[in-house]
Amino acid sequence: MALFGLFGSTHDMTTGTYAGRESASDRAARKDAEARSRRAASHRKAATKLDRQVNAEIDANRTAERSGTRGRGWW
């Protein structure tokens, strides 16, 4: 606290310019948490898209097997 005495009263600092502001470490932690959240959402979205593509391909193969058109070529 003696160091703050060189610049002014600690009471002035807490009620003045920096009052109610987010600290740098809190901001970094918040930004990191937001980035992790966005990254996780992106991974979930990509996994869902891939699952839907795979399921569509499986359904197409089942439909082709049932109709007997699979593997006969163009004729």
PDB file of N, CA and C in Angstrom:
ATOM      1  N   MET A   1       0.810  -1.183   0.000  1.00  0.00           N
ATOM      2  CA  MET A   1       0.000   0.000   0.000  1.00  0.00           C
ATOM      3  C   MET A   1       0.862   1.258   0.000  1.00  0.00           C
ATOM      4  N   ALA A   2       2.082   1.135   0.475  1.00  0.00           N
ATOM      5  CA  ALA A   2       2.952   2.303   0.501  1.00  0.00           C
ATOM      6  C   ALA A   2       3.261   2.766  -0.921  1.00  0.00           C
ATOM      7  N   LEU A   3       3.300   1.851  -1.844  1.00  0.00           N
ATOM      8  CA  LEU A   3       3.569   2.202  -3.239  1.00  0.00           C
ATOM      9  C   LEU A   3       2.446   3.075  -3.795  1.00  0.00           C
ATOM     10  N   PHE A   4       1.217   2.755  -3.445  1.00  0.00           N
ATOM     11  CA  PHE A   4       0.094   3.562  -3.924  1.00  0.00           C
ATOM     12  C   PHE A   4       0.134   4.968  -3.332  1.00  0.00           C
ATOM     13  N   GLY A   5       0.759   5.106  -2.197  1.00  0.00           N
ATOM     14  CA  GLY A   5       0.890   6.425  -1.589  1.00  0.00           C
ATOM     15  C   GLY A   5       1.705   7.374  -2.451  1.00  0.00           C
ATOM     16  N   LEU A   6       2.566   6.827  -3.289  1.00  0.00           N
ATOM     17  CA  LEU A   6       3.367   7.669  -4.171  1.00  0.00           C
ATOM     18  C   LEU A   6       2.494   8.297  -5.261  1.00  0.00           C
ATOM     19  N   PHE A   7       1.465   7.611  -5.661  1.00  0.00           N
ATOM     20  CA  PHE A   7       0.633   8.078  -6.762  1.00  0.00           C
ATOM     21  C   PHE A   7      -0.633   8.779  -6.302  1.00  0.00           C
ATOM     22  N   GLY A   8      -1.016   8.572  -5.106  1.00  0.00           N
ATOM     23  CA  GLY A   8      -2.231   9.188  -4.611  1.00  0.00           C
ATOM     24  C   GLY A   8      -2.928   8.249  -3.650  1.00  0.00           C
ATOM     25  N   SER A   9      -4.023   8.666  -3.196  1.00  0.00           N
ATOM     26  CA  SER A   9      -4.778   7.898  -2.215  1.00  0.00           C
ATOM     27  C   SER A   9      -5.388   6.653  -2.867  1.00  0.00           C
ATOM     28  N   THR A  10      -5.342   5.519  -2.176  1.00  0.00           N
ATOM     29  CA  THR A  10      -5.974   4.301  -2.687  1.00  0.00           C
ATOM     30  C   THR A  10      -7.484   4.476  -2.742  1.00  0.00           C
ATOM     31  N   HIS A  11      -7.996   5.307  -1.861  1.00  0.00           N
ATOM     32  CA  HIS A  11      -9.431   5.577  -1.884  1.00  0.00           C
ATOM     33  C   HIS A  11      -9.811   6.296  -3.183  1.00  0.00           C
ATOM     34  N   ASP A  12      -8.984   7.211  -3.624  1.00  0.00           N
ATOM     35  CA  ASP A  12      -9.241   7.914  -4.885  1.00  0.00           C
ATOM     36  C   ASP A  12      -9.205   6.942  -6.066  1.00  0.00           C
ATOM     37  N   MET A  13      -8.298   5.990  -6.024  1.00  0.00           N
ATOM     38  CA  MET A  13      -8.177   5.029  -7.128  1.00  0.00           C
ATOM     39  C   MET A  13      -9.387   4.091  -7.183  1.00  0.00           C
ATOM     40  N   THR A  14      -9.890   3.699  -6.034  1.00  0.00           N
ATOM     41  CA  THR A  14     -11.006   2.760  -6.024  1.00  0.00           C
ATOM     42  C   THR A  14     -12.320   3.428  -6.389  1.00  0.00           C
ATOM     43  N   THR A  15     -12.434   4.697  -6.166  1.00  0.00           N
ATOM     44  CA  THR A  15     -13.688   5.393  -6.482  1.00  0.00           C
ATOM     45  C   THR A  15     -13.583   6.198  -7.763  1.00  0.00           C
ATOM     46  N   GLY A  16     -12.428   6.267  -8.341  1.00  0.00           N
ATOM     47  CA  GLY A  16     -12.218   7.123  -9.506  1.00  0.00           C
ATOM     48  C   GLY A  16     -12.271   6.368 -10.823  1.00  0.00           C
ATOM     49  N   THR A  17     -11.240   6.512 -11.589  1.00  0.00           N
ATOM     50  CA  THR A  17     -11.185   6.037 -12.967  1.00  0.00           C
ATOM     51  C   THR A  17     -11.381   4.528 -13.094  1.00  0.00           C
ATOM     52  N   TYR A  18     -10.801   3.765 -12.192  1.00  0.00           N
ATOM     53  CA  TYR A  18     -10.816   2.308 -12.343  1.00  0.00           C
ATOM     54  C   TYR A  18     -11.963   1.625 -11.600  1.00  0.00           C
ATOM     55  N   ALA A  19     -12.834   2.381 -11.017  1.00  0.00           N
ATOM     56  CA  ALA A  19     -13.943   1.793 -10.268  1.00  0.00           C
ATOM     57  C   ALA A  19     -14.902   1.091 -11.227  1.00  0.00           C
ATOM     58  N   GLY A  20     -15.236  -0.148 -10.909  1.00  0.00           N
ATOM     59  CA  GLY A  20     -16.199  -0.900 -11.706  1.00  0.00           C
ATOM     60  C   GLY A  20     -15.647  -1.465 -13.000  1.00  0.00           C
ATOM     61  N   ARG A  21     -14.371  -1.358 -13.228  1.00  0.00           N
ATOM     62  CA  ARG A  21     -13.782  -1.873 -14.467  1.00  0.00           C
ATOM     63  C   ARG A  21     -13.287  -3.290 -14.260  1.00  0.00           C
ATOM     64  N   GLU A  22     -13.282  -4.038 -15.312  1.00  0.00           N
ATOM     65  CA  GLU A  22     -12.847  -5.432 -15.282  1.00  0.00           C
ATOM     66  C   GLU A  22     -11.321  -5.477 -15.286  1.00  0.00           C
ATOM     67  N   SER A  23     -10.758  -6.332 -14.453  1.00  0.00           N
ATOM     68  CA  SER A  23      -9.301  -6.441 -14.417  1.00  0.00           C
ATOM     69  C   SER A  23      -8.815  -7.194 -15.652  1.00  0.00           C
ATOM     70  N   ALA A  24      -7.553  -7.037 -15.955  1.00  0.00           N
ATOM     71  CA  ALA A  24      -6.981  -7.681 -17.137  1.00  0.00           C
ATOM     72  C   ALA A  24      -7.033  -9.198 -17.017  1.00  0.00           C
ATOM     73  N   SER A  25      -6.773  -9.724 -15.831  1.00  0.00           N
ATOM     74  CA  SER A  25      -6.800 -11.177 -15.663  1.00  0.00           C
ATOM     75  C   SER A  25      -8.229 -11.714 -15.771  1.00  0.00           C
ATOM     76  N   ASP A  26      -9.201 -10.965 -15.241  1.00  0.00           N
ATOM     77  CA  ASP A  26     -10.602 -11.383 -15.377  1.00  0.00           C
ATOM     78  C   ASP A  26     -11.040 -11.342 -16.832  1.00  0.00           C
ATOM     79  N   ARG A  27     -10.614 -10.314 -17.552  1.00  0.00           N
ATOM     80  CA  ARG A  27     -10.970 -10.196 -18.967  1.00  0.00           C
ATOM     81  C   ARG A  27     -10.358 -11.341 -19.769  1.00  0.00           C
ATOM     82  N   ALA A  28      -9.087 -11.659 -19.503  1.00  0.00           N
ATOM     83  CA  ALA A  28      -8.428 -12.757 -20.202  1.00  0.00           C
ATOM     84  C   ALA A  28      -9.126 -14.084 -19.921  1.00  0.00           C
ATOM     85  N   ALA A  29      -9.520 -14.300 -18.680  1.00  0.00           N
ATOM     86  CA  ALA A  29     -10.221 -15.530 -18.319  1.00  0.00           C
ATOM     87  C   ALA A  29     -11.575 -15.604 -19.013  1.00  0.00           C
ATOM     88  N   ARG A  30     -12.285 -14.470 -19.064  1.00  0.00           N
ATOM     89  CA  ARG A  30     -13.596 -14.444 -19.730  1.00  0.00           C
ATOM     90  C   ARG A  30     -13.455 -14.707 -21.221  1.00  0.00           C
ATOM     91  N   LYS A  31     -12.461 -14.065 -21.861  1.00  0.00           N
ATOM     92  CA  LYS A  31     -12.238 -14.260 -23.294  1.00  0.00           C
ATOM     93  C   LYS A  31     -11.874 -15.714 -23.589  1.00  0.00           C
ATOM     94  N   ASP A  32     -11.046 -16.311 -22.726  1.00  0.00           N
ATOM     95  CA  ASP A  32     -10.651 -17.701 -22.913  1.00  0.00           C
ATOM     96  C   ASP A  32     -11.854 -18.631 -22.790  1.00  0.00           C
ATOM     97  N   ALA A  33     -12.716 -18.371 -21.814  1.00  0.00           N
ATOM     98  CA  ALA A  33     -13.918 -19.189 -21.628  1.00  0.00           C
ATOM     99  C   ALA A  33     -14.850 -19.051 -22.824  1.00  0.00           C
ATOM    100  N   GLU A  34     -14.992 -17.836 -23.347  1.00  0.00           N
ATOM    101  CA  GLU A  34     -15.838 -17.631 -24.525  1.00  0.00           C
ATOM    102  C   GLU A  34     -15.276 -18.364 -25.736  1.00  0.00           C
ATOM    103  N   ALA A  35     -13.961 -18.319 -25.912  1.00  0.00           N
ATOM    104  CA  ALA A  35     -13.331 -19.000 -27.042  1.00  0.00           C
ATOM    105  C   ALA A  35     -13.519 -20.515 -26.937  1.00  0.00           C
ATOM    106  N   ARG A  36     -13.349 -21.051 -25.717  1.00  0.00           N
ATOM    107  CA  ARG A  36     -13.559 -22.485 -25.535  1.00  0.00           C
ATOM    108  C   ARG A  36     -14.998 -22.878 -25.823  1.00  0.00           C
ATOM    109  N   SER A  37     -15.929 -22.029 -25.433  1.00  0.00           N
ATOM    110  CA  SER A  37     -17.343 -22.294 -25.677  1.00  0.00           C
ATOM    111  C   SER A  37     -17.651 -22.287 -27.177  1.00  0.00           C
ATOM    112  N   ARG A  38     -17.116 -21.304 -27.889  1.00  0.00           N
ATOM    113  CA  ARG A  38     -17.328 -21.248 -29.345  1.00  0.00           C
ATOM    114  C   ARG A  38     -16.703 -22.447 -30.039  1.00  0.00           C
ATOM    115  N   ARG A  39     -15.501 -22.833 -29.605  1.00  0.00           N
ATOM    116  CA  ARG A  39     -14.811 -23.970 -30.210  1.00  0.00           C
ATOM    117  C   ARG A  39     -15.594 -25.254 -29.985  1.00  0.00           C
ATOM    118  N   ALA A  40     -16.112 -25.442 -28.773  1.00  0.00           N
ATOM    119  CA  ALA A  40     -16.900 -26.640 -28.472  1.00  0.00           C
ATOM    120  C   ALA A  40     -18.180 -26.666 -29.296  1.00  0.00           C
ATOM    121  N   ALA A  41     -18.830 -25.522 -29.446  1.00  0.00           N
ATOM    122  CA  ALA A  41     -20.053 -25.457 -30.258  1.00  0.00           C
ATOM    123  C   ALA A  41     -19.743 -25.778 -31.710  1.00  0.00           C
ATOM    124  N   SER A  42     -18.626 -25.297 -32.201  1.00  0.00           N
ATOM    125  CA  SER A  42     -18.226 -25.580 -33.579  1.00  0.00           C
ATOM    126  C   SER A  42     -17.981 -27.066 -33.788  1.00  0.00           C
ATOM    127  N   HIS A  43     -17.326 -27.695 -32.823  1.00  0.00           N
ATOM    128  CA  HIS A  43     -17.067 -29.132 -32.917  1.00  0.00           C
ATOM    129  C   HIS A  43     -18.367 -29.932 -32.867  1.00  0.00           C
ATOM    130  N   ARG A  44     -19.290 -29.524 -32.007  1.00  0.00           N
ATOM    131  CA  ARG A  44     -20.583 -30.209 -31.937  1.00  0.00           C
ATOM    132  C   ARG A  44     -21.343 -30.070 -33.247  1.00  0.00           C
ATOM    133  N   LYS A  45     -21.307 -28.874 -33.825  1.00  0.00           N
ATOM    134  CA  LYS A  45     -22.010 -28.625 -35.081  1.00  0.00           C
ATOM    135  C   LYS A  45     -21.418 -29.468 -36.211  1.00  0.00           C
ATOM    136  N   ALA A  46     -20.096 -29.545 -36.278  1.00  0.00           N
ATOM    137  CA  ALA A  46     -19.440 -30.338 -37.317  1.00  0.00           C
ATOM    138  C   ALA A  46     -19.743 -31.823 -37.144  1.00  0.00           C
ATOM    139  N   ALA A  47     -19.755 -32.296 -35.902  1.00  0.00           N
ATOM    140  CA  ALA A  47     -20.045 -33.704 -35.635  1.00  0.00           C
ATOM    141  C   ALA A  47     -21.482 -34.033 -36.019  1.00  0.00           C
ATOM    142  N   THR A  48     -22.405 -33.136 -35.730  1.00  0.00           N
ATOM    143  CA  THR A  48     -23.808 -33.351 -36.092  1.00  0.00           C
ATOM    144  C   THR A  48     -23.966 -33.395 -37.599  1.00  0.00           C
ATOM    145  N   LYS A  49     -23.300 -32.501 -38.298  1.00  0.00           N
ATOM    146  CA  LYS A  49     -23.372 -32.460 -39.761  1.00  0.00           C
ATOM    147  C   LYS A  49     -22.828 -33.765 -40.350  1.00  0.00           C
ATOM    148  N   LEU A  50     -21.707 -34.240 -39.832  1.00  0.00           N
ATOM    149  CA  LEU A  50     -21.118 -35.486 -40.315  1.00  0.00           C
ATOM    150  C   LEU A  50     -22.032 -36.669 -40.025  1.00  0.00           C
ATOM    151  N   ASP A  51     -22.627 -36.704 -38.839  1.00  0.00           N
ATOM    152  CA  ASP A  51     -23.564 -37.781 -38.501  1.00  0.00           C
ATOM    153  C   ASP A  51     -24.740 -37.806 -39.465  1.00  0.00           C
ATOM    154  N   ARG A  52     -25.258 -36.637 -39.804  1.00  0.00           N
ATOM    155  CA  ARG A  52     -26.388 -36.578 -40.734  1.00  0.00           C
ATOM    156  C   ARG A  52     -25.989 -37.062 -42.126  1.00  0.00           C
ATOM    157  N   GLN A  53     -24.777 -36.713 -42.577  1.00  0.00           N
ATOM    158  CA  GLN A  53     -24.309 -37.165 -43.881  1.00  0.00           C
ATOM    159  C   GLN A  53     -24.156 -38.683 -43.909  1.00  0.00           C
ATOM    160  N   VAL A  54     -23.585 -39.234 -42.853  1.00  0.00           N
ATOM    161  CA  VAL A  54     -23.400 -40.680 -42.775  1.00  0.00           C
ATOM    162  C   VAL A  54     -24.745 -41.393 -42.743  1.00  0.00           C
ATOM    163  N   ASN A  55     -25.672 -40.873 -41.945  1.00  0.00           N
ATOM    164  CA  ASN A  55     -26.999 -41.487 -41.867  1.00  0.00           C
ATOM    165  C   ASN A  55     -27.719 -41.412 -43.204  1.00  0.00           C
ATOM    166  N   ALA A  56     -27.573 -40.309 -43.937  1.00  0.00           N
ATOM    167  CA  ALA A  56     -28.198 -40.183 -45.253  1.00  0.00           C
ATOM    168  C   ALA A  56     -27.612 -41.203 -46.219  1.00  0.00           C
ATOM    169  N   GLU A  57     -26.312 -41.427 -46.156  1.00  0.00           N
ATOM    170  CA  GLU A  57     -25.674 -42.408 -47.030  1.00  0.00           C
ATOM    171  C   GLU A  57     -26.142 -43.821 -46.681  1.00  0.00           C
ATOM    172  N   ILE A  58     -26.244 -44.123 -45.413  1.00  0.00           N
ATOM    173  CA  ILE A  58     -26.724 -45.442 -44.985  1.00  0.00           C
ATOM    174  C   ILE A  58     -28.155 -45.649 -45.461  1.00  0.00           C
ATOM    175  N   ASP A  59     -29.013 -44.643 -45.303  1.00  0.00           N
ATOM    176  CA  ASP A  59     -30.400 -44.747 -45.756  1.00  0.00           C
ATOM    177  C   ASP A  59     -30.473 -44.941 -47.268  1.00  0.00           C
ATOM    178  N   ALA A  60     -29.632 -44.242 -48.017  1.00  0.00           N
ATOM    179  CA  ALA A  60     -29.614 -44.385 -49.476  1.00  0.00           C
ATOM    180  C   ALA A  60     -29.202 -45.801 -49.868  1.00  0.00           C
ATOM    181  N   ASN A  61     -28.222 -46.358 -49.156  1.00  0.00           N
ATOM    182  CA  ASN A  61     -27.789 -47.726 -49.452  1.00  0.00           C
ATOM    183  C   ASN A  61     -28.897 -48.730 -49.127  1.00  0.00           C
ATOM    184  N   ARG A  62     -29.589 -48.536 -48.030  1.00  0.00           N
ATOM    185  CA  ARG A  62     -30.693 -49.438 -47.675  1.00  0.00           C
ATOM    186  C   ARG A  62     -31.808 -49.373 -48.709  1.00  0.00           C
ATOM    187  N   THR A  63     -32.124 -48.170 -49.135  1.00  0.00           N
ATOM    188  CA  THR A  63     -33.171 -47.994 -50.145  1.00  0.00           C
ATOM    189  C   THR A  63     -32.767 -48.673 -51.453  1.00  0.00           C
ATOM    190  N   ALA A  64     -31.513 -48.517 -51.844  1.00  0.00           N
ATOM    191  CA  ALA A  64     -31.030 -49.130 -53.079  1.00  0.00           C
ATOM    192  C   ALA A  64     -31.049 -50.652 -52.970  1.00  0.00           C
ATOM    193  N   GLU A  65     -30.705 -51.197 -51.808  1.00  0.00           N
ATOM    194  CA  GLU A  65     -30.723 -52.650 -51.622  1.00  0.00           C
ATOM    195  C   GLU A  65     -32.148 -53.191 -51.686  1.00  0.00           C
ATOM    196  N   ARG A  66     -33.088 -52.457 -51.118  1.00  0.00           N
ATOM    197  CA  ARG A  66     -34.481 -52.905 -51.128  1.00  0.00           C
ATOM    198  C   ARG A  66     -35.080 -52.879 -52.524  1.00  0.00           C
ATOM    199  N   SER A  67     -34.698 -51.868 -53.308  1.00  0.00           N
ATOM    200  CA  SER A  67     -35.266 -51.765 -54.650  1.00  0.00           C
ATOM    201  C   SER A  67     -34.515 -52.632 -55.646  1.00  0.00           C
ATOM    202  N   GLY A  68     -33.360 -53.140 -55.263  1.00  0.00           N
ATOM    203  CA  GLY A  68     -32.594 -54.033 -56.142  1.00  0.00           C
ATOM    204  C   GLY A  68     -31.813 -53.319 -57.202  1.00  0.00           C
ATOM    205  N   THR A  69     -31.580 -52.057 -57.076  1.00  0.00           N
ATOM    206  CA  THR A  69     -30.854 -51.311 -58.100  1.00  0.00           C
ATOM    207  C   THR A  69     -29.377 -51.145 -57.760  1.00  0.00           C
ATOM    208  N   ARG A  70     -28.963 -51.605 -56.626  1.00  0.00           N
ATOM    209  CA  ARG A  70     -27.582 -51.393 -56.223  1.00  0.00           C
ATOM    210  C   ARG A  70     -26.657 -52.390 -56.900  1.00  0.00           C
ATOM    211  N   GLY A  71     -25.580 -51.892 -57.444  1.00  0.00           N
ATOM    212  CA  GLY A  71     -24.544 -52.748 -57.998  1.00  0.00           C
ATOM    213  C   GLY A  71     -24.834 -53.291 -59.394  1.00  0.00           C
ATOM    214  N   ARG A  72     -25.843 -52.816 -60.087  1.00  0.00           N
ATOM    215  CA  ARG A  72     -26.142 -53.327 -61.430  1.00  0.00           C
ATOM    216  C   ARG A  72     -25.589 -52.439 -62.525  1.00  0.00           C
ATOM    217  N   GLY A  73     -25.010 -51.317 -62.165  1.00  0.00           N
ATOM    218  CA  GLY A  73     -24.485 -50.425 -63.195  1.00  0.00           C
ATOM    219  C   GLY A  73     -25.581 -49.565 -63.804  1.00  0.00           C
ATOM    220  N   TRP A  74     -25.424 -49.148 -65.006  1.00  0.00           N
ATOM    221  CA  TRP A  74     -26.358 -48.238 -65.632  1.00  0.00           C
ATOM    222  C   TRP A  74     -27.505 -48.935 -66.354  1.00  0.00           C
ATOM    223  N   TRP A  75     -27.475 -50.207 -66.530  1.00  0.00           N
ATOM    224  CA  TRP A  75     -28.554 -50.899 -67.259  1.00  0.00           C
ATOM    225  C   TRP A  75     -29.555 -51.501 -66.367  1.00  0.00           C
TER     226      TRP A  75
END
